[in-house]
Amino acid sequence: MLRVRQGYPTLFFIEAGQKEPSFQQIGSNALHAMRRFMEGKGLLRRQVKAEL
């Protein structure tokens, strides 16, 4: 179950054919955590270097 935390960014990933997220992250590092998750699964097509 995902709790709603007002004001915090939340990302989640649901794989094709699934009903529940296989990944969820709440907080300011959610985008970086999602990128690491997708790299580990081999889901990124190309490396994108972001300047943050």
C-alpha atoms as a PDB file:
ATOM      1  CA  MET A   1       0.000   0.000   0.000  1.00  0.00           C
ATOM      2  CA  LEU A   2       1.296   3.430  -0.901  1.00  0.00           C
ATOM      3  CA  ARG A   3       0.598   6.215   1.531  1.00  0.00           C
ATOM      4  CA  VAL A   4       0.005   9.639   0.105  1.00  0.00           C
ATOM      5  CA  ARG A   5       2.458  12.143   1.488  1.00  0.00           C
ATOM      6  CA  GLN A   6       1.304  15.572   0.524  1.00  0.00           C
ATOM      7  CA  GLY A   7       4.036  17.765  -0.893  1.00  0.00           C
ATOM      8  CA  TYR A   8       6.564  14.984  -1.598  1.00  0.00           C
ATOM      9  CA  PRO A   9       7.267  13.766  -5.139  1.00  0.00           C
ATOM     10  CA  THR A  10       6.273  10.148  -5.680  1.00  0.00           C
ATOM     11  CA  LEU A  11       7.299   7.914  -8.593  1.00  0.00           C
ATOM     12  CA  PHE A  12       6.155   4.385  -9.277  1.00  0.00           C
ATOM     13  CA  PHE A  13       6.675   1.860 -12.066  1.00  0.00           C
ATOM     14  CA  ILE A  14       4.152  -0.794 -13.057  1.00  0.00           C
ATOM     15  CA  GLU A  15       5.436  -3.479 -15.401  1.00  0.00           C
ATOM     16  CA  ALA A  16       3.306  -4.510 -18.376  1.00  0.00           C
ATOM     17  CA  GLY A  17       0.634  -6.987 -17.368  1.00  0.00           C
ATOM     18  CA  GLN A  18       0.959  -6.256 -13.643  1.00  0.00           C
ATOM     19  CA  LYS A  19      -1.504  -4.495 -11.363  1.00  0.00           C
ATOM     20  CA  GLU A  20       0.858  -3.457  -8.570  1.00  0.00           C
ATOM     21  CA  PRO A  21       3.999  -1.309  -8.769  1.00  0.00           C
ATOM     22  CA  SER A  22       7.277  -3.215  -8.873  1.00  0.00           C
ATOM     23  CA  PHE A  23       9.042  -0.026  -7.774  1.00  0.00           C
ATOM     24  CA  GLN A  24       7.969   3.002  -5.780  1.00  0.00           C
ATOM     25  CA  GLN A  25       9.978   5.848  -4.320  1.00  0.00           C
ATOM     26  CA  ILE A  26       8.952   8.885  -2.315  1.00  0.00           C
ATOM     27  CA  GLY A  27      11.143  11.920  -1.828  1.00  0.00           C
ATOM     28  CA  SER A  28      13.599  14.259  -3.438  1.00  0.00           C
ATOM     29  CA  ASN A  29      15.822  11.457  -4.822  1.00  0.00           C
ATOM     30  CA  ALA A  30      12.952   9.611  -6.487  1.00  0.00           C
ATOM     31  CA  LEU A  31      14.110  10.343 -10.049  1.00  0.00           C
ATOM     32  CA  HIS A  32      17.648   9.092  -9.417  1.00  0.00           C
ATOM     33  CA  ALA A  33      16.320   5.966  -7.692  1.00  0.00           C
ATOM     34  CA  MET A  34      13.991   5.292 -10.653  1.00  0.00           C
ATOM     35  CA  ARG A  35      16.887   5.641 -13.102  1.00  0.00           C
ATOM     36  CA  ARG A  36      18.997   3.144 -11.092  1.00  0.00           C
ATOM     37  CA  PHE A  37      16.045   0.736 -10.955  1.00  0.00           C
ATOM     38  CA  MET A  38      15.477   0.950 -14.715  1.00  0.00           C
ATOM     39  CA  GLU A  39      19.194   0.556 -15.481  1.00  0.00           C
ATOM     40  CA  GLY A  40      19.285  -2.567 -13.320  1.00  0.00           C
ATOM     41  CA  LYS A  41      16.317  -4.026 -15.209  1.00  0.00           C
ATOM     42  CA  GLY A  42      17.812  -3.109 -18.601  1.00  0.00           C
ATOM     43  CA  LEU A  43      14.863  -0.861 -19.449  1.00  0.00           C
ATOM     44  CA  LEU A  44      16.768   2.245 -20.541  1.00  0.00           C
ATOM     45  CA  ARG A  45      17.475   2.497 -24.257  1.00  0.00           C
ATOM     46  CA  ARG A  46      20.333   4.950 -23.995  1.00  0.00           C
ATOM     47  CA  GLN A  47      22.342   6.745 -21.360  1.00  0.00           C
ATOM     48  CA  VAL A  48      21.240  10.295 -20.798  1.00  0.00           C
ATOM     49  CA  LYS A  49      23.578  12.530 -18.865  1.00  0.00           C
ATOM     50  CA  ALA A  50      21.671  15.098 -16.891  1.00  0.00           C
ATOM     51  CA  GLU A  51      23.331  18.098 -15.381  1.00  0.00           C
ATOM     52  CA  LEU A  52      21.699  18.681 -12.034  1.00  0.00           C
END
